[in-house]
Amino acid sequence: MNTPDNWRKSSYSGGGDGNSCVEISDRRTRIAVRDSKAPARATLTFPTGAFTLFIEAVKTPLPTTGRTQRSPRISD
């Protein structure tokens, strides 16, 4: 896989240097995800549609509580 150029970090990156989170890079057909603490290590890739469904599921209220799961906000 070619390494995507445009990595974006989640707004939930935490304090300090803000590297305790995940980063994503989107291409037309795939989304790449990596650990911001170790960007040179393994990168996971997903079909764009599957990643979109995952994010939507995370944002959906839980049936028993009405609360949503904490979803990452990816900054540009």
C-alpha atoms as a PDB file:
ATOM      1  CA  MET A   1       0.000   0.000   0.000  1.00  0.00           C
ATOM      2  CA  ASN A   2       1.235   3.511  -0.744  1.00  0.00           C
ATOM      3  CA  THR A   3       1.500   5.616   2.393  1.00  0.00           C
ATOM      4  CA  PRO A   4      -1.173   8.335   2.338  1.00  0.00           C
ATOM      5  CA  ASP A   5       0.201  11.870   2.497  1.00  0.00           C
ATOM      6  CA  ASN A   6      -2.575  13.769   4.262  1.00  0.00           C
ATOM      7  CA  TRP A   7      -2.916  12.494   7.839  1.00  0.00           C
ATOM      8  CA  ARG A   8      -5.474  14.161  10.135  1.00  0.00           C
ATOM      9  CA  LYS A   9      -5.515  13.791  13.903  1.00  0.00           C
ATOM     10  CA  SER A  10      -8.623  13.365  16.014  1.00  0.00           C
ATOM     11  CA  SER A  11      -9.707  16.334  18.111  1.00  0.00           C
ATOM     12  CA  TYR A  12      -9.667  13.944  21.117  1.00  0.00           C
ATOM     13  CA  SER A  13      -5.853  13.835  20.977  1.00  0.00           C
ATOM     14  CA  GLY A  14      -5.437  14.780  24.614  1.00  0.00           C
ATOM     15  CA  GLY A  15      -3.219  17.276  26.367  1.00  0.00           C
ATOM     16  CA  GLY A  16       0.484  17.907  26.100  1.00  0.00           C
ATOM     17  CA  ASP A  17       1.867  17.252  22.673  1.00  0.00           C
ATOM     18  CA  GLY A  18      -1.484  15.755  21.561  1.00  0.00           C
ATOM     19  CA  ASN A  19      -0.112  12.502  20.219  1.00  0.00           C
ATOM     20  CA  SER A  20      -2.215  10.050  22.242  1.00  0.00           C
ATOM     21  CA  CYS A  21      -4.720   9.316  19.541  1.00  0.00           C
ATOM     22  CA  VAL A  22      -5.329   7.977  16.078  1.00  0.00           C
ATOM     23  CA  GLU A  23      -4.869   9.674  12.743  1.00  0.00           C
ATOM     24  CA  ILE A  24      -6.695   9.001   9.496  1.00  0.00           C
ATOM     25  CA  SER A  25      -5.927   9.617   5.874  1.00  0.00           C
ATOM     26  CA  ASP A  26      -8.586   9.274   3.253  1.00  0.00           C
ATOM     27  CA  ARG A  27      -8.236   8.324  -0.349  1.00  0.00           C
ATOM     28  CA  ARG A  28     -10.986   7.826  -2.864  1.00  0.00           C
ATOM     29  CA  THR A  29     -11.528   4.137  -2.157  1.00  0.00           C
ATOM     30  CA  ARG A  30      -9.762   3.471   1.177  1.00  0.00           C
ATOM     31  CA  ILE A  31      -9.352   5.015   4.638  1.00  0.00           C
ATOM     32  CA  ALA A  32      -6.061   4.479   6.461  1.00  0.00           C
ATOM     33  CA  VAL A  33      -5.809   4.586  10.268  1.00  0.00           C
ATOM     34  CA  ARG A  34      -2.626   4.733  12.346  1.00  0.00           C
ATOM     35  CA  ASP A  35      -1.523   5.305  15.930  1.00  0.00           C
ATOM     36  CA  SER A  36      -0.235   8.865  16.287  1.00  0.00           C
ATOM     37  CA  LYS A  37       2.271   7.702  18.941  1.00  0.00           C
ATOM     38  CA  ALA A  38       3.901   5.325  16.440  1.00  0.00           C
ATOM     39  CA  PRO A  39       3.156   6.578  12.913  1.00  0.00           C
ATOM     40  CA  ALA A  40       5.880   4.465  11.300  1.00  0.00           C
ATOM     41  CA  ARG A  41       4.322   1.244  12.570  1.00  0.00           C
ATOM     42  CA  ALA A  42       1.380  -0.667  11.124  1.00  0.00           C
ATOM     43  CA  THR A  43      -1.401   1.150   9.297  1.00  0.00           C
ATOM     44  CA  LEU A  44      -4.887  -0.308   9.008  1.00  0.00           C
ATOM     45  CA  THR A  45      -6.848   0.324   5.830  1.00  0.00           C
ATOM     46  CA  PHE A  46     -10.571  -0.024   5.250  1.00  0.00           C
ATOM     47  CA  PRO A  47     -12.858   0.414   2.260  1.00  0.00           C
ATOM     48  CA  THR A  48     -14.347   3.915   2.466  1.00  0.00           C
ATOM     49  CA  GLY A  49     -17.917   2.594   2.764  1.00  0.00           C
ATOM     50  CA  ALA A  50     -17.052   0.259   5.648  1.00  0.00           C
ATOM     51  CA  PHE A  51     -15.278   3.022   7.563  1.00  0.00           C
ATOM     52  CA  THR A  52     -18.213   5.392   7.030  1.00  0.00           C
ATOM     53  CA  LEU A  53     -20.641   2.774   8.384  1.00  0.00           C
ATOM     54  CA  PHE A  54     -18.391   2.254  11.414  1.00  0.00           C
ATOM     55  CA  ILE A  55     -18.303   5.989  12.225  1.00  0.00           C
ATOM     56  CA  GLU A  56     -22.083   6.257  11.827  1.00  0.00           C
ATOM     57  CA  ALA A  57     -22.552   3.275  14.162  1.00  0.00           C
ATOM     58  CA  VAL A  58     -20.337   4.924  16.782  1.00  0.00           C
ATOM     59  CA  LYS A  59     -22.486   8.074  16.594  1.00  0.00           C
ATOM     60  CA  THR A  60     -25.784   6.164  16.912  1.00  0.00           C
ATOM     61  CA  PRO A  61     -27.442   6.258  20.365  1.00  0.00           C
ATOM     62  CA  LEU A  62     -27.217   3.060  22.334  1.00  0.00           C
ATOM     63  CA  PRO A  63     -30.653   1.391  22.448  1.00  0.00           C
ATOM     64  CA  THR A  64     -30.877   0.939  26.229  1.00  0.00           C
ATOM     65  CA  THR A  65     -29.507   4.278  27.417  1.00  0.00           C
ATOM     66  CA  GLY A  66     -30.171   6.778  24.633  1.00  0.00           C
ATOM     67  CA  ARG A  67     -26.551   7.920  25.008  1.00  0.00           C
ATOM     68  CA  THR A  68     -24.144   7.935  22.094  1.00  0.00           C
ATOM     69  CA  GLN A  69     -20.783   6.285  22.210  1.00  0.00           C
ATOM     70  CA  ARG A  70     -17.902   8.735  22.351  1.00  0.00           C
ATOM     71  CA  SER A  71     -16.961   9.212  18.723  1.00  0.00           C
ATOM     72  CA  PRO A  72     -13.714  10.734  17.506  1.00  0.00           C
ATOM     73  CA  ARG A  73     -13.890  14.067  15.715  1.00  0.00           C
ATOM     74  CA  ILE A  74     -11.240  14.160  13.037  1.00  0.00           C
ATOM     75  CA  SER A  75      -9.813  17.621  12.387  1.00  0.00           C
ATOM     76  CA  ASP A  76      -8.798  18.873   8.964  1.00  0.00           C
END
